[in-house]
Amino acid sequence: MTVTAAPASRYKWVALSNTTLGVLMSALDGSIVIISLPAIFRGIGLDPLAPGNIGYLLWMILGYLLVQAVLVVTLGRLGDMFGRVKMYNLGFVVFSAASVALSFDPFHAGGGALWLIGWRIVQAVGGSMLTANSAAILTDAFPARQRGMALGVNQITALAGQFLGLVVGGLLAEIDWRAVFWVSVPFGLLGTIWSIRSLREVGTPSRAKIDWGGNVTFAAGTAVLLAAITYGIQPYGGAATGWGNPLVLGGIGAGVLLLALFGVIETRVAAPMFQLSLFKIRAFAAGNVAALLTSVARGGMQFMLIIWLQGIWLPLHGYDYERTPLWAGIYLLPLTVGFLVAGPVSGYLSDRFGARLFSTGGLLLVAAAFLGLLALPVDFPYPVFAALLVVSGIGQGMFSAPNTSAIMSSVPTAQRGVASGMRATFQNSGTSLSIGVFFSLMIAGLASSLPQTLTSGLQAHGVPASVADGVAQLPPVSTLFAAFLGSNPVGHLLGPGVLAGLHPADRAELTGGEFFPRLVSGPFHHGLVVVFTAAAVMAVVAAVASASRGKRYFHTPEGTKENR
């Protein structure tokens, strides 16, 4: 196929539009499954709340995120060595092929879940190729004075895609669960053909030996560490979480040791995959620390808001449980609006005035939004909730675009691919960590108050004390995932035998739309206070890191130059 070369003045806009499609598709597929899980599990005939199936549920969400956290640095480094556009184009091909396979799941129950998890992992490999090289392609294509705007559009599209995926997933799940995967196929094919025909290598590939020791230790260490943190969410023995599980503790220890070994290897090889020397650049180091903390806080907010809306607020306002995934995505749209308004504008202005003011100010807005959410009652007035989402979205937009531009502009041209991969690794790792951290905090909060609340609530509606006590002792993670999936688990937990022996009015109340949300609202709010307080603290610490980045900083062929 002949590559059509665009003039230099036009090529940068071709690169921006194509890479924006790539990162949008990758980010959207990272979240589209989250909101569609109830329909997917119904479609393959699997009960997500059965204790043995919680692992399927977790890996359906985390498999994609974990692979992206592990591979983006390696794929960014390979882009530096063999061509960023080549790796990016291959990413479109892999992503499209996996999307086709996902939409034709031939199995049911556990086999169907494993098929989806496996192909989601393959899809994540393609998505990693796209995200690892897109920022480097843009940095090559745009002059320094326009990078903030270009990377701002690209980065905000990626972040907005995470929340747009919630709306798109909700809409498509209403049609057919397979449509959640079909939607990526035409865009993937379009992007594949378009990128092959229009993109070209602007930077010069820097051939070097592959750092096998670094690649293996980093991939293994990150995967083991994040997987162990994930399993820490699940109950172990009589404990609400698995943090006392020897396998979890051993996995965390092994992961840390492997990453320490990785650090040693990277200081001793001629062409390391992870350029530790880049952390000597203050703008690069401070920007990545701020990005990691912000990603953790943002991931926690995303999951907690979904639980809050699907499991509590929407049912209390008369929405059927089957429709809550769709409406949760719709009610979260103000967050995306804030992203889309602030991101490109702050990226453009940061080209003129530098990243520090916008990034730091944006993170302070994010922290203020968390504190505002803390002050809301569980059954909140929506206009106030929407206003806080807009503030949070504006703050995240103000931070993300200038921060990405500052990181990418501060590194040597030959290392932009690996720098882009390192930046994406911090961001993706933060999202994976947020699940382990915030779900554990929420489960701990539920474990302290939910059993007594559940026991008294069930007994008040005629459930025998022995049955109520047994239900109350079930792991709170099941209740949390029920809220996350927008499901009323009371009928499932009690069973038809117990329900049949109750008074019709009590039976109707227990299985209706308001009993479960009102029951868990108190314990949930207790956990929410802990989660959002931690997230606000992270945002403030990230703001401090952002403020320490220094003034505007660009790397030139002669070295680094600070523009005052």
Protein backbone atom coordinates (compact mmCIF):
# COMPACT_ATOMS: atom_id res chain seq x y z
CA MET A 1 0.00 0.00 0.00
CA THR A 2 1.40 3.41 -0.98
CA VAL A 3 1.90 5.90 1.83
CA THR A 4 0.51 9.32 0.98
CA ALA A 5 2.89 11.98 2.24
CA ALA A 6 1.25 15.14 3.56
CA PRO A 7 3.08 18.49 3.45
CA ALA A 8 4.87 19.33 6.71
CA SER A 9 2.42 22.14 7.51
CA ARG A 10 -0.53 19.73 7.18
CA TYR A 11 1.07 16.56 8.49
CA LYS A 12 0.97 17.68 12.12
CA TRP A 13 -2.85 17.95 11.94
CA VAL A 14 -3.09 14.54 10.27
CA ALA A 15 -0.96 13.11 13.10
CA LEU A 16 -3.13 14.83 15.73
CA SER A 17 -6.43 13.61 14.30
CA ASN A 18 -5.23 10.04 13.79
CA THR A 19 -3.56 9.63 17.18
CA THR A 20 -6.58 11.20 18.85
CA LEU A 21 -8.76 8.50 17.28
CA GLY A 22 -6.28 5.87 18.49
CA VAL A 23 -6.14 6.98 22.12
CA LEU A 24 -9.90 7.60 22.21
CA MET A 25 -10.56 4.05 21.05
CA SER A 26 -8.07 2.58 23.53
CA ALA A 27 -9.34 4.63 26.49
CA LEU A 28 -12.99 4.07 25.65
CA ASP A 29 -12.50 0.31 25.59
CA GLY A 30 -10.77 0.51 28.96
CA SER A 31 -14.02 1.66 30.59
CA ILE A 32 -16.80 0.54 28.25
CA VAL A 33 -16.81 -2.94 29.80
CA ILE A 34 -17.07 -1.58 33.36
CA ILE A 35 -20.57 -0.19 32.82
CA SER A 36 -21.63 -3.14 30.65
CA LEU A 37 -20.68 -5.94 33.03
CA PRO A 38 -24.26 -6.73 34.15
CA ALA A 39 -25.35 -7.26 30.51
CA ILE A 40 -22.17 -9.20 29.66
CA PHE A 41 -22.57 -11.60 32.57
CA ARG A 42 -26.25 -12.11 31.75
CA GLY A 43 -25.30 -12.71 28.12
CA ILE A 44 -22.81 -15.47 28.89
CA GLY A 45 -24.98 -16.95 31.65
CA LEU A 46 -22.74 -16.26 34.65
CA ASP A 47 -23.79 -15.05 38.10
CA PRO A 48 -21.25 -12.31 38.96
CA LEU A 49 -22.17 -12.32 42.66
CA ALA A 50 -21.45 -16.00 43.23
CA PRO A 51 -18.27 -16.24 45.38
CA GLY A 52 -16.41 -18.33 42.80
CA ASN A 53 -17.12 -15.81 40.03
CA ILE A 54 -15.77 -12.66 41.69
CA GLY A 55 -12.37 -13.40 40.17
CA TYR A 56 -13.89 -13.35 36.67
CA LEU A 57 -15.47 -9.99 37.44
CA LEU A 58 -12.21 -8.51 38.70
CA TRP A 59 -10.11 -9.73 35.78
CA MET A 60 -12.67 -8.56 33.25
CA ILE A 61 -11.94 -5.05 34.55
CA LEU A 62 -8.31 -5.36 35.56
CA GLY A 63 -6.83 -7.53 32.81
CA TYR A 64 -6.95 -4.66 30.33
CA LEU A 65 -5.59 -2.10 32.80
CA LEU A 66 -2.83 -4.35 34.08
CA VAL A 67 -1.51 -5.20 30.61
CA GLN A 68 -1.42 -1.52 29.68
CA ALA A 69 0.47 -0.71 32.87
CA VAL A 70 3.03 -3.44 32.19
CA LEU A 71 3.70 -3.07 28.46
CA VAL A 72 3.63 0.61 27.56
CA VAL A 73 7.27 1.28 28.49
CA THR A 74 8.53 -1.72 26.52
CA LEU A 75 6.43 -0.80 23.50
CA GLY A 76 7.50 2.82 23.71
CA ARG A 77 11.14 1.73 23.78
CA LEU A 78 10.57 -0.56 20.80
CA GLY A 79 9.05 2.41 19.01
CA ASP A 80 12.25 4.39 19.61
CA MET A 81 14.28 1.48 18.21
CA PHE A 82 12.22 0.36 15.21
CA GLY A 83 9.93 3.28 14.43
CA ARG A 84 7.10 4.85 16.43
CA VAL A 85 4.72 4.88 13.49
CA LYS A 86 5.36 1.19 12.76
CA MET A 87 4.52 0.23 16.35
CA TYR A 88 1.50 2.52 16.33
CA ASN A 89 0.16 1.03 13.08
CA LEU A 90 0.65 -2.50 14.42
CA GLY A 91 -1.33 -1.47 17.50
CA PHE A 92 -4.36 -0.63 15.35
CA VAL A 93 -4.15 -4.03 13.64
CA VAL A 94 -3.91 -6.00 16.91
CA PHE A 95 -6.66 -3.95 18.56
CA SER A 96 -9.04 -4.44 15.62
CA ALA A 97 -8.43 -8.20 15.44
CA ALA A 98 -9.06 -8.62 19.17
CA SER A 99 -12.28 -6.59 18.95
CA VAL A 100 -13.60 -8.96 16.29
CA ALA A 101 -12.72 -12.01 18.42
CA LEU A 102 -14.40 -10.51 21.51
CA SER A 103 -17.68 -9.98 19.68
CA PHE A 104 -17.84 -13.64 18.66
CA ASP A 105 -17.46 -15.32 22.06
CA PRO A 106 -18.53 -18.93 21.37
CA PHE A 107 -18.66 -20.11 25.00
CA HIS A 108 -20.92 -19.72 28.02
CA ALA A 109 -20.47 -19.34 31.77
CA GLY A 110 -16.85 -19.67 32.94
CA GLY A 111 -15.56 -20.55 29.49
CA GLY A 112 -17.19 -17.47 28.03
CA ALA A 113 -15.67 -15.29 30.73
CA LEU A 114 -12.18 -16.73 30.11
CA TRP A 115 -12.54 -16.11 26.35
CA LEU A 116 -13.42 -12.47 27.02
CA ILE A 117 -10.62 -12.00 29.56
CA GLY A 118 -8.05 -13.54 27.20
CA TRP A 119 -9.00 -11.45 24.18
CA ARG A 120 -9.29 -8.33 26.34
CA ILE A 121 -5.64 -8.90 27.23
CA VAL A 122 -4.75 -9.16 23.52
CA GLN A 123 -6.79 -6.02 22.87
CA ALA A 124 -4.86 -4.27 25.63
CA VAL A 125 -1.58 -5.13 23.87
CA GLY A 126 -2.83 -3.28 20.79
CA GLY A 127 -4.08 -0.41 22.93
CA SER A 128 -0.69 -0.20 24.63
CA MET A 129 1.02 0.15 21.25
CA LEU A 130 -1.29 3.06 20.46
CA THR A 131 -0.94 4.91 23.77
CA ALA A 132 2.80 4.25 24.14
CA ASN A 133 3.67 5.90 20.82
CA SER A 134 0.93 8.49 20.20
CA ALA A 135 2.43 11.21 22.40
CA ALA A 136 5.88 10.64 20.88
CA ILE A 137 4.45 10.90 17.33
CA LEU A 138 2.79 14.20 18.24
CA THR A 139 5.91 15.57 19.92
CA ASP A 140 7.85 14.78 16.75
CA ALA A 141 5.23 16.39 14.51
CA PHE A 142 4.54 19.64 16.38
CA PRO A 143 6.94 22.51 17.15
CA ALA A 144 7.55 23.28 20.83
CA ARG A 145 5.25 26.31 20.79
CA GLN A 146 2.24 24.14 19.79
CA ARG A 147 2.90 20.91 21.68
CA GLY A 148 0.81 21.85 24.69
CA MET A 149 -2.26 22.37 22.52
CA ALA A 150 -1.68 19.17 20.51
CA LEU A 151 -0.89 16.96 23.49
CA GLY A 152 -3.73 18.62 25.37
CA VAL A 153 -6.27 17.59 22.74
CA ASN A 154 -4.78 14.09 22.66
CA GLN A 155 -4.57 13.62 26.42
CA ILE A 156 -7.97 15.06 27.24
CA THR A 157 -9.53 12.89 24.55
CA ALA A 158 -7.98 9.88 26.26
CA LEU A 159 -9.28 10.90 29.68
CA ALA A 160 -12.69 11.88 28.34
CA GLY A 161 -12.81 8.50 26.60
CA GLN A 162 -12.67 6.78 29.98
CA PHE A 163 -15.92 8.48 30.99
CA LEU A 164 -17.55 8.49 27.55
CA GLY A 165 -17.06 4.71 27.63
CA LEU A 166 -19.50 4.62 30.54
CA VAL A 167 -22.21 6.27 28.44
CA VAL A 168 -21.47 4.30 25.27
CA GLY A 169 -21.33 1.04 27.22
CA GLY A 170 -24.66 1.77 28.86
CA LEU A 171 -26.31 2.55 25.52
CA LEU A 172 -24.90 -0.48 23.70
CA ALA A 173 -25.65 -2.86 26.57
CA GLU A 174 -29.32 -1.93 26.11
CA ILE A 175 -29.10 -3.28 22.55
CA ASP A 176 -26.91 -6.37 22.92
CA TRP A 177 -23.91 -7.16 25.09
CA ARG A 178 -21.88 -8.09 22.00
CA ALA A 179 -22.40 -4.59 20.63
CA VAL A 180 -20.05 -3.37 23.37
CA PHE A 181 -17.25 -5.03 21.39
CA TRP A 182 -18.65 -4.54 17.88
CA VAL A 183 -18.38 -0.76 18.19
CA SER A 184 -14.56 -0.86 18.09
CA VAL A 185 -14.35 -2.85 14.86
CA PRO A 186 -15.22 -0.17 12.25
CA PHE A 187 -13.15 2.48 14.03
CA GLY A 188 -10.25 0.07 14.31
CA LEU A 189 -10.36 -0.76 10.61
CA LEU A 190 -10.67 2.91 9.69
CA GLY A 191 -7.76 3.86 11.94
CA THR A 192 -5.60 1.02 10.61
CA ILE A 193 -5.99 2.02 6.96
CA TRP A 194 -5.74 5.74 7.73
CA SER A 195 -2.59 5.47 9.85
CA ILE A 196 -0.80 3.23 7.32
CA ARG A 197 -1.57 5.64 4.49
CA SER A 198 -0.98 8.95 6.24
CA LEU A 199 1.58 8.70 9.06
CA ARG A 200 5.33 8.77 8.49
CA GLU A 201 8.44 8.48 10.62
CA VAL A 202 9.63 11.98 11.56
CA GLY A 203 12.11 10.96 14.24
CA THR A 204 15.07 8.73 13.41
CA PRO A 205 14.86 5.21 14.89
CA SER A 206 17.69 4.55 17.35
CA ARG A 207 18.67 0.91 16.91
CA ALA A 208 20.00 -0.82 20.01
CA LYS A 209 20.03 -4.22 21.66
CA ILE A 210 16.81 -5.19 23.38
CA ASP A 211 17.13 -5.05 27.15
CA TRP A 212 15.72 -8.51 27.83
CA GLY A 213 16.63 -8.53 31.52
CA GLY A 214 14.92 -5.19 32.10
CA ASN A 215 11.87 -6.12 30.05
CA VAL A 216 11.33 -9.43 31.83
CA THR A 217 11.91 -8.17 35.39
CA PHE A 218 9.75 -5.07 34.87
CA ALA A 219 6.87 -6.96 33.26
CA ALA A 220 6.97 -9.77 35.84
CA GLY A 221 7.43 -7.45 38.82
CA THR A 222 4.64 -5.05 37.82
CA ALA A 223 2.25 -7.87 36.92
CA VAL A 224 2.85 -9.81 40.15
CA LEU A 225 2.60 -6.69 42.31
CA LEU A 226 -0.62 -5.41 40.75
CA ALA A 227 -2.18 -8.89 40.68
CA ALA A 228 -1.40 -9.37 44.38
CA ILE A 229 -2.97 -6.02 45.21
CA THR A 230 -6.03 -7.04 43.20
CA TYR A 231 -6.43 -10.28 45.16
CA GLY A 232 -6.07 -8.27 48.35
CA ILE A 233 -9.60 -7.03 47.67
CA GLN A 234 -11.09 -10.51 47.93
CA PRO A 235 -11.89 -12.05 51.34
CA TYR A 236 -9.53 -14.51 52.95
CA GLY A 237 -10.53 -16.83 55.76
CA GLY A 238 -12.71 -14.87 58.13
CA ALA A 239 -11.31 -11.49 57.09
CA ALA A 240 -13.18 -9.03 54.88
CA THR A 241 -10.11 -8.55 52.66
CA GLY A 242 -7.17 -10.68 51.63
CA TRP A 243 -4.31 -8.54 52.94
CA GLY A 244 -3.46 -11.29 55.43
CA ASN A 245 -3.33 -13.95 52.72
CA PRO A 246 0.24 -15.35 52.49
CA LEU A 247 -0.06 -15.49 48.70
CA VAL A 248 -0.99 -11.80 48.56
CA LEU A 249 1.85 -10.81 50.90
CA GLY A 250 4.26 -13.08 49.03
CA GLY A 251 3.15 -11.62 45.70
CA ILE A 252 3.71 -8.07 46.93
CA GLY A 253 7.15 -9.03 48.26
CA ALA A 254 8.10 -10.82 45.05
CA GLY A 255 6.90 -7.92 42.94
CA VAL A 256 8.92 -5.40 44.95
CA LEU A 257 12.05 -7.59 44.73
CA LEU A 258 11.68 -8.02 40.97
CA LEU A 259 11.26 -4.27 40.50
CA ALA A 260 14.32 -3.64 42.68
CA LEU A 261 16.27 -6.10 40.52
CA PHE A 262 14.95 -4.26 37.47
CA GLY A 263 16.34 -0.99 38.84
CA VAL A 264 19.77 -2.57 39.31
CA ILE A 265 19.74 -4.02 35.77
CA GLU A 266 18.78 -0.67 34.25
CA THR A 267 21.84 1.01 35.76
CA ARG A 268 24.20 -1.56 34.22
CA VAL A 269 23.04 -2.09 30.62
CA ALA A 270 24.08 0.02 27.67
CA ALA A 271 20.57 0.54 26.28
CA PRO A 272 18.05 0.25 29.14
CA MET A 273 14.33 0.06 28.43
CA PHE A 274 13.56 2.38 31.35
CA GLN A 275 15.70 5.49 31.10
CA LEU A 276 16.28 6.17 34.79
CA SER A 277 18.51 9.09 33.82
CA LEU A 278 15.38 10.94 32.69
CA PHE A 279 14.41 11.32 36.35
CA LYS A 280 17.35 13.71 36.69
CA ILE A 281 15.23 16.14 34.66
CA ARG A 282 13.11 17.87 37.26
CA ALA A 283 10.20 18.61 34.92
CA PHE A 284 10.04 14.94 33.92
CA ALA A 285 10.28 13.55 37.47
CA ALA A 286 7.83 16.00 39.06
CA GLY A 287 5.33 15.62 36.22
CA ASN A 288 5.28 11.83 36.49
CA VAL A 289 4.93 11.81 40.29
CA ALA A 290 1.99 14.19 39.98
CA ALA A 291 0.49 12.07 37.18
CA LEU A 292 0.73 8.85 39.25
CA LEU A 293 -1.00 10.36 42.29
CA THR A 294 -3.66 12.03 40.16
CA SER A 295 -4.35 8.79 38.32
CA VAL A 296 -4.85 6.93 41.61
CA ALA A 297 -7.25 9.61 42.86
CA ARG A 298 -9.13 9.78 39.54
CA GLY A 299 -9.51 5.99 39.33
CA GLY A 300 -10.91 5.87 42.85
CA MET A 301 -13.38 8.62 42.04
CA GLN A 302 -14.56 6.86 38.89
CA PHE A 303 -15.36 3.59 40.63
CA MET A 304 -16.89 5.18 43.72
CA LEU A 305 -19.16 7.44 41.66
CA ILE A 306 -20.39 4.44 39.65
CA ILE A 307 -21.21 2.56 42.87
CA TRP A 308 -22.86 5.63 44.36
CA LEU A 309 -25.09 6.19 41.33
CA GLN A 310 -25.88 2.61 40.27
CA GLY A 311 -26.25 1.05 43.69
CA ILE A 312 -27.86 3.84 45.71
CA TRP A 313 -28.88 7.15 44.16
CA LEU A 314 -30.57 6.00 40.95
CA PRO A 315 -32.67 3.22 42.60
CA LEU A 316 -33.74 5.70 45.29
CA HIS A 317 -34.98 7.97 42.50
CA GLY A 318 -37.10 5.31 40.86
CA TYR A 319 -34.75 3.88 38.21
CA ASP A 320 -34.96 0.14 37.57
CA TYR A 321 -31.74 -1.72 38.33
CA GLU A 322 -31.51 -2.91 34.72
CA ARG A 323 -31.37 0.70 33.52
CA THR A 324 -28.93 2.10 36.09
CA PRO A 325 -25.74 1.44 34.05
CA LEU A 326 -27.04 3.63 31.21
CA TRP A 327 -28.21 6.44 33.46
CA ALA A 328 -25.08 6.36 35.59
CA GLY A 329 -23.06 7.10 32.45
CA ILE A 330 -25.43 9.92 31.50
CA TYR A 331 -25.36 11.51 34.95
CA LEU A 332 -21.55 11.48 34.89
CA LEU A 333 -21.39 13.50 31.66
CA PRO A 334 -20.66 16.83 33.45
CA LEU A 335 -17.26 15.38 34.36
CA THR A 336 -16.49 14.79 30.68
CA VAL A 337 -17.74 18.28 29.79
CA GLY A 338 -15.25 19.75 32.25
CA PHE A 339 -12.43 17.74 30.63
CA LEU A 340 -13.36 18.80 27.12
CA VAL A 341 -13.65 22.48 28.01
CA ALA A 342 -10.51 22.87 30.10
CA GLY A 343 -8.09 20.47 28.42
CA PRO A 344 -7.44 22.07 25.04
CA VAL A 345 -7.69 25.60 26.44
CA SER A 346 -5.19 24.98 29.22
CA GLY A 347 -2.92 23.12 26.79
CA TYR A 348 -2.96 26.12 24.44
CA LEU A 349 -2.33 28.62 27.25
CA SER A 350 0.45 26.49 28.74
CA ASP A 351 2.33 26.87 25.44
CA ARG A 352 2.53 30.57 26.25
CA PHE A 353 2.74 30.67 30.04
CA GLY A 354 4.16 27.28 31.07
CA ALA A 355 2.66 24.22 32.72
CA ARG A 356 3.21 24.88 36.42
CA LEU A 357 0.41 27.40 37.01
CA PHE A 358 -2.27 25.41 35.18
CA SER A 359 -1.29 21.94 36.40
CA THR A 360 -0.95 22.97 40.03
CA GLY A 361 -4.12 25.06 40.01
CA GLY A 362 -6.04 22.24 38.35
CA LEU A 363 -5.01 19.75 41.04
CA LEU A 364 -6.15 22.14 43.77
CA LEU A 365 -9.53 22.31 42.04
CA VAL A 366 -9.65 18.50 41.99
CA ALA A 367 -8.94 18.41 45.74
CA ALA A 368 -11.66 21.00 46.36
CA ALA A 369 -14.15 18.91 44.34
CA PHE A 370 -13.35 15.85 46.48
CA LEU A 371 -14.02 17.87 49.63
CA GLY A 372 -17.29 19.10 48.13
CA LEU A 373 -18.37 15.52 47.36
CA LEU A 374 -17.55 14.61 50.96
CA ALA A 375 -20.03 17.22 52.19
CA LEU A 376 -22.92 15.84 50.11
CA PRO A 377 -25.53 13.52 51.64
CA VAL A 378 -25.88 10.10 50.04
CA ASP A 379 -29.22 11.16 48.53
CA PHE A 380 -27.80 14.37 47.09
CA PRO A 381 -29.43 17.13 45.00
CA TYR A 382 -28.20 16.47 41.48
CA PRO A 383 -27.44 20.09 40.41
CA VAL A 384 -24.89 20.39 43.23
CA PHE A 385 -23.42 17.00 42.37
CA ALA A 386 -23.17 17.95 38.68
CA ALA A 387 -21.47 21.26 39.54
CA LEU A 388 -18.82 19.43 41.58
CA LEU A 389 -18.26 17.02 38.67
CA VAL A 390 -17.70 19.98 36.33
CA VAL A 391 -15.19 21.48 38.77
CA SER A 392 -13.35 18.16 39.01
CA GLY A 393 -13.36 17.76 35.22
CA ILE A 394 -12.03 21.29 34.71
CA GLY A 395 -9.31 20.68 37.28
CA GLN A 396 -8.24 17.40 35.69
CA GLY A 397 -8.25 19.01 32.25
CA MET A 398 -6.13 21.91 33.50
CA PHE A 399 -3.63 19.42 34.91
CA SER A 400 -3.41 16.70 32.29
CA ALA A 401 -2.73 18.61 29.09
CA PRO A 402 0.02 20.97 30.36
CA ASN A 403 1.58 18.19 32.44
CA THR A 404 1.85 15.85 29.46
CA SER A 405 3.31 18.61 27.30
CA ALA A 406 5.88 19.50 29.96
CA ILE A 407 6.95 15.87 30.39
CA MET A 408 7.32 15.19 26.68
CA SER A 409 9.07 18.47 25.87
CA SER A 410 11.69 17.97 28.57
CA VAL A 411 13.28 14.79 27.13
CA PRO A 412 15.74 14.21 24.25
CA THR A 413 14.19 13.50 20.86
CA ALA A 414 15.60 9.96 20.65
CA GLN A 415 13.96 9.04 23.97
CA ARG A 416 10.47 10.39 23.38
CA GLY A 417 9.01 6.94 22.77
CA VAL A 418 10.29 5.51 26.04
CA ALA A 419 9.35 8.75 27.84
CA SER A 420 5.81 8.45 26.47
CA GLY A 421 5.70 4.83 27.62
CA MET A 422 6.99 5.74 31.09
CA ARG A 423 4.38 8.48 31.39
CA ALA A 424 1.61 6.09 30.33
CA THR A 425 2.92 3.45 32.76
CA PHE A 426 2.58 5.80 35.71
CA GLN A 427 -0.91 6.76 34.59
CA ASN A 428 -2.12 3.20 33.94
CA SER A 429 -0.48 1.83 37.10
CA GLY A 430 -2.27 4.51 39.08
CA THR A 431 -5.63 3.36 37.76
CA SER A 432 -4.86 -0.28 38.64
CA LEU A 433 -3.58 0.71 42.09
CA SER A 434 -6.70 2.78 42.72
CA ILE A 435 -8.88 -0.34 42.49
CA GLY A 436 -6.86 -2.16 45.14
CA VAL A 437 -6.44 0.88 47.39
CA PHE A 438 -9.93 2.38 47.29
CA PHE A 439 -11.91 -0.84 47.13
CA SER A 440 -9.96 -2.03 50.19
CA LEU A 441 -10.70 1.22 52.01
CA MET A 442 -14.37 0.96 51.10
CA ILE A 443 -14.59 -2.71 52.10
CA ALA A 444 -12.96 -1.91 55.44
CA GLY A 445 -15.53 0.83 56.00
CA LEU A 446 -18.40 -1.49 55.10
CA ALA A 447 -17.07 -4.31 57.28
CA SER A 448 -17.20 -2.09 60.38
CA SER A 449 -20.87 -1.16 60.09
CA LEU A 450 -22.67 -3.18 57.40
CA PRO A 451 -23.22 -6.48 59.31
CA GLN A 452 -25.20 -4.87 62.12
CA THR A 453 -27.14 -2.69 59.70
CA LEU A 454 -27.95 -5.68 57.47
CA THR A 455 -29.00 -7.88 60.40
CA SER A 456 -31.38 -5.32 61.91
CA GLY A 457 -32.82 -4.35 58.54
CA LEU A 458 -33.63 -7.92 57.54
CA GLN A 459 -35.09 -8.83 60.94
CA ALA A 460 -37.33 -5.76 60.82
CA HIS A 461 -39.01 -7.31 57.77
CA GLY A 462 -39.58 -10.76 59.20
CA VAL A 463 -36.38 -12.56 58.23
CA PRO A 464 -35.46 -15.10 60.96
CA ALA A 465 -32.53 -14.02 63.15
CA SER A 466 -30.40 -17.02 62.20
CA VAL A 467 -30.84 -16.31 58.47
CA ALA A 468 -30.24 -12.58 58.91
CA ASP A 469 -27.06 -13.25 60.90
CA GLY A 470 -25.82 -15.65 58.24
CA VAL A 471 -26.41 -13.15 55.43
CA ALA A 472 -24.75 -10.36 57.45
CA GLN A 473 -21.59 -12.42 57.84
CA LEU A 474 -21.08 -12.80 54.11
CA PRO A 475 -18.06 -10.91 52.73
CA PRO A 476 -18.86 -7.21 52.24
CA VAL A 477 -17.11 -7.37 48.87
CA SER A 478 -20.23 -9.12 47.52
CA THR A 479 -22.40 -6.22 48.66
CA LEU A 480 -19.93 -3.75 47.19
CA PHE A 481 -19.91 -5.48 43.82
CA ALA A 482 -23.71 -5.71 43.88
CA ALA A 483 -23.82 -1.92 44.19
CA PHE A 484 -21.10 -1.59 41.54
CA LEU A 485 -23.15 -3.71 39.12
CA GLY A 486 -26.39 -1.91 39.91
CA SER A 487 -27.97 -5.04 41.36
CA ASN A 488 -30.30 -5.72 44.30
CA PRO A 489 -28.74 -8.80 45.94
CA VAL A 490 -31.29 -9.26 48.73
CA GLY A 491 -33.42 -11.80 46.88
CA HIS A 492 -30.28 -13.60 45.71
CA LEU A 493 -28.86 -13.75 49.26
CA LEU A 494 -32.06 -14.89 50.95
CA GLY A 495 -33.16 -17.38 48.32
CA PRO A 496 -36.70 -18.29 47.22
CA GLY A 497 -37.27 -20.53 50.25
CA VAL A 498 -36.86 -17.73 52.79
CA LEU A 499 -38.75 -15.21 50.67
CA ALA A 500 -41.71 -17.57 50.28
CA GLY A 501 -42.15 -17.70 54.08
CA LEU A 502 -42.36 -13.93 54.49
CA HIS A 503 -45.42 -11.70 54.53
CA PRO A 504 -46.15 -10.43 50.97
CA ALA A 505 -45.61 -6.83 52.05
CA ASP A 506 -42.22 -7.66 53.59
CA ARG A 507 -41.24 -9.72 50.54
CA ALA A 508 -42.14 -6.85 48.23
CA GLU A 509 -40.19 -4.37 50.36
CA LEU A 510 -37.05 -6.52 50.54
CA THR A 511 -36.92 -7.15 46.79
CA GLY A 512 -38.07 -3.66 45.79
CA GLY A 513 -35.95 -0.79 44.55
CA GLU A 514 -35.40 1.13 47.80
CA PHE A 515 -34.66 -1.34 50.61
CA PHE A 516 -31.11 -2.27 49.59
CA PRO A 517 -30.01 1.29 48.69
CA ARG A 518 -31.32 2.70 51.95
CA LEU A 519 -29.79 -0.20 53.88
CA VAL A 520 -26.27 0.31 52.51
CA SER A 521 -26.35 4.12 52.26
CA GLY A 522 -25.11 4.67 55.84
CA PRO A 523 -22.21 2.18 55.72
CA PHE A 524 -21.39 3.29 52.16
CA HIS A 525 -21.17 6.92 53.18
CA HIS A 526 -18.84 5.97 56.02
CA GLY A 527 -16.54 4.29 53.52
CA LEU A 528 -16.96 7.14 51.06
CA VAL A 529 -15.64 9.63 53.60
CA VAL A 530 -12.46 7.57 53.99
CA VAL A 531 -12.03 7.13 50.22
CA PHE A 532 -12.58 10.75 49.19
CA THR A 533 -10.46 12.06 52.06
CA ALA A 534 -7.57 9.88 50.86
CA ALA A 535 -8.15 11.03 47.28
CA ALA A 536 -8.17 14.71 48.31
CA VAL A 537 -4.87 14.24 50.16
CA MET A 538 -3.37 12.59 47.07
CA ALA A 539 -4.49 15.51 44.91
CA VAL A 540 -2.87 18.02 47.27
CA VAL A 541 0.41 16.07 47.36
CA ALA A 542 0.28 15.87 43.55
CA ALA A 543 -0.18 19.67 43.46
CA VAL A 544 2.96 20.08 45.59
CA ALA A 545 4.88 17.83 43.19
CA SER A 546 3.55 19.81 40.22
CA ALA A 547 4.59 23.11 41.78
CA SER A 548 8.13 21.78 42.20
CA ARG A 549 8.60 21.19 38.46
CA GLY A 550 10.29 24.54 37.91
CA LYS A 551 9.75 26.95 35.05
CA ARG A 552 9.26 26.08 31.38
CA TYR A 553 11.75 23.46 30.27
CA PHE A 554 12.53 22.30 26.73
CA HIS A 555 15.16 19.88 25.56
CA THR A 556 17.12 20.96 22.48
CA PRO A 557 19.79 19.13 20.47
CA GLU A 558 22.41 21.14 22.32
CA GLY A 559 21.04 20.23 25.71
CA THR A 560 18.25 21.49 27.92
CA LYS A 561 17.07 25.05 27.91
CA GLU A 562 14.86 26.82 30.38
CA ASN A 563 12.57 29.49 28.97
CA ARG A 564 11.86 32.16 31.47
